[in-house]
Structure formats: structure tokens, C-alpha cells
Amino acid sequence: MSIASDNNLLWIPSDISDLLTVSVDGQADDSTVKGMEIINSAATQWVSGTIDDYTYFELLDHYGIDPFGFVGEVEEHMTLLMR
């Protein structure tokens, strides 16, 4: 993820879990698309407190995403917003 900036404005989504969504290529197979759906649903659940950190991070890891790196980028974005 890279945070794009125009006119020195940072993008702020209406739903903070949007910062944690993932996407797949249009040619992705069904299992990859299902994994994307699971990860994106889990992001919403994690932000709302429905699932805990351990469960969310384990899920990311299961699908090959480095949880600390992925969430760390979102944390950096939030730090910029709070300045």
C-alpha cells in the first residue's frame, strides 16, 4: 500500500477498515477471490472488535500476508493523519 497525496491532502476513508482491504487480479482463481473476501470481512470485524488481534493476524498470515508489515503501513498512515 502506498498513500497517495495530491495538494498535500491525505486520503481518509469513510470506513477505517477500508485501509485494511486487499484486492486481487481480475484473472485470480476462485480460491484466491474467496481468500480476498475472507480477509476483507475480517478487517471489518477486527476494526469493530468482533475478532481479536491474534485471530486477525493469524488469518493474514494464513493467506500469505505479513501481518506486522501490512498493519504497520496502516498505522503509519494513521500517524500521519493524527499529526
Protein backbone atom coordinates (compact mmCIF):
# COMPACT_ATOMS: atom_id res chain seq x y z
CA MET A 1 0.00 0.00 0.00
CA SER A 2 1.19 3.45 -0.79
CA ILE A 3 -0.53 6.58 0.43
CA ALA A 4 -1.10 8.94 -2.49
CA SER A 5 -1.22 12.64 -1.82
CA ASP A 6 -2.42 15.49 -4.05
CA ASN A 7 -2.31 19.09 -2.92
CA ASN A 8 -0.82 17.90 0.39
CA LEU A 9 -4.12 16.24 1.37
CA LEU A 10 -4.23 12.72 2.77
CA TRP A 11 -6.95 10.31 1.76
CA ILE A 12 -9.27 9.50 4.66
CA PRO A 13 -11.81 6.74 4.02
CA SER A 14 -15.34 6.94 5.39
CA ASP A 15 -14.80 3.50 6.97
CA ILE A 16 -11.38 2.97 8.54
CA SER A 17 -11.46 -0.74 7.67
CA ASP A 18 -11.11 0.35 4.01
CA LEU A 19 -7.42 0.93 4.79
CA LEU A 20 -7.13 -2.80 5.52
CA THR A 21 -8.81 -4.17 2.40
CA VAL A 22 -6.99 -6.20 -0.20
CA SER A 23 -7.72 -6.83 -3.86
CA VAL A 24 -6.80 -9.50 -6.38
CA ASP A 25 -6.14 -9.53 -10.08
CA GLY A 26 -9.16 -9.96 -12.36
CA GLN A 27 -7.68 -13.26 -13.51
CA ALA A 28 -7.48 -14.70 -9.98
CA ASP A 29 -8.91 -18.14 -9.37
CA ASP A 30 -11.97 -18.74 -7.19
CA SER A 31 -9.97 -19.72 -4.10
CA THR A 32 -7.92 -16.53 -4.28
CA VAL A 33 -11.06 -14.42 -4.62
CA LYS A 34 -12.59 -16.25 -1.65
CA GLY A 35 -9.43 -15.51 0.37
CA MET A 36 -9.76 -11.83 -0.51
CA GLU A 37 -13.37 -11.83 0.68
CA ILE A 38 -12.39 -13.51 3.95
CA ILE A 39 -9.55 -11.05 4.60
CA ASN A 40 -11.72 -8.02 3.84
CA SER A 41 -14.52 -9.30 6.06
CA ALA A 42 -12.02 -9.96 8.85
CA ALA A 43 -10.70 -6.38 8.54
CA THR A 44 -14.18 -5.04 9.28
CA GLN A 45 -14.58 -7.48 12.17
CA TRP A 46 -11.19 -6.57 13.63
CA VAL A 47 -11.81 -2.82 13.48
CA SER A 48 -15.21 -3.29 15.14
CA GLY A 49 -13.72 -5.51 17.87
CA THR A 50 -15.61 -8.64 16.80
CA ILE A 51 -12.36 -10.60 16.43
CA ASP A 52 -9.15 -10.17 18.40
CA ASP A 53 -5.66 -9.21 17.21
CA TYR A 54 -4.38 -12.77 17.32
CA THR A 55 -7.18 -14.12 15.13
CA TYR A 56 -6.84 -11.31 12.58
CA PHE A 57 -3.05 -11.59 12.39
CA GLU A 58 -3.21 -15.39 12.08
CA LEU A 59 -5.71 -15.04 9.24
CA LEU A 60 -3.47 -12.60 7.37
CA ASP A 61 -0.52 -14.93 7.85
CA HIS A 62 -2.56 -17.92 6.64
CA TYR A 63 -3.19 -16.11 3.34
CA GLY A 64 0.47 -15.12 2.92
CA ILE A 65 0.29 -11.53 4.13
CA ASP A 66 2.86 -10.33 6.65
CA PRO A 67 0.52 -9.08 9.39
CA PHE A 68 3.00 -6.71 11.03
CA GLY A 69 4.10 -5.20 7.73
CA PHE A 70 0.55 -4.86 6.42
CA VAL A 71 -0.96 -3.38 9.58
CA GLY A 72 2.22 -1.32 10.11
CA GLU A 73 1.59 0.57 6.87
CA VAL A 74 -1.93 1.42 8.03
CA GLU A 75 -0.53 2.51 11.39
CA GLU A 76 1.93 4.82 9.62
CA HIS A 77 -0.94 6.34 7.64
CA MET A 78 -2.95 6.91 10.81
CA THR A 79 0.07 8.52 12.49
CA LEU A 80 0.30 10.99 9.59
CA LEU A 81 -3.40 11.78 9.91
CA MET A 82 -3.06 12.48 13.62
CA ARG A 83 -0.21 14.97 13.23
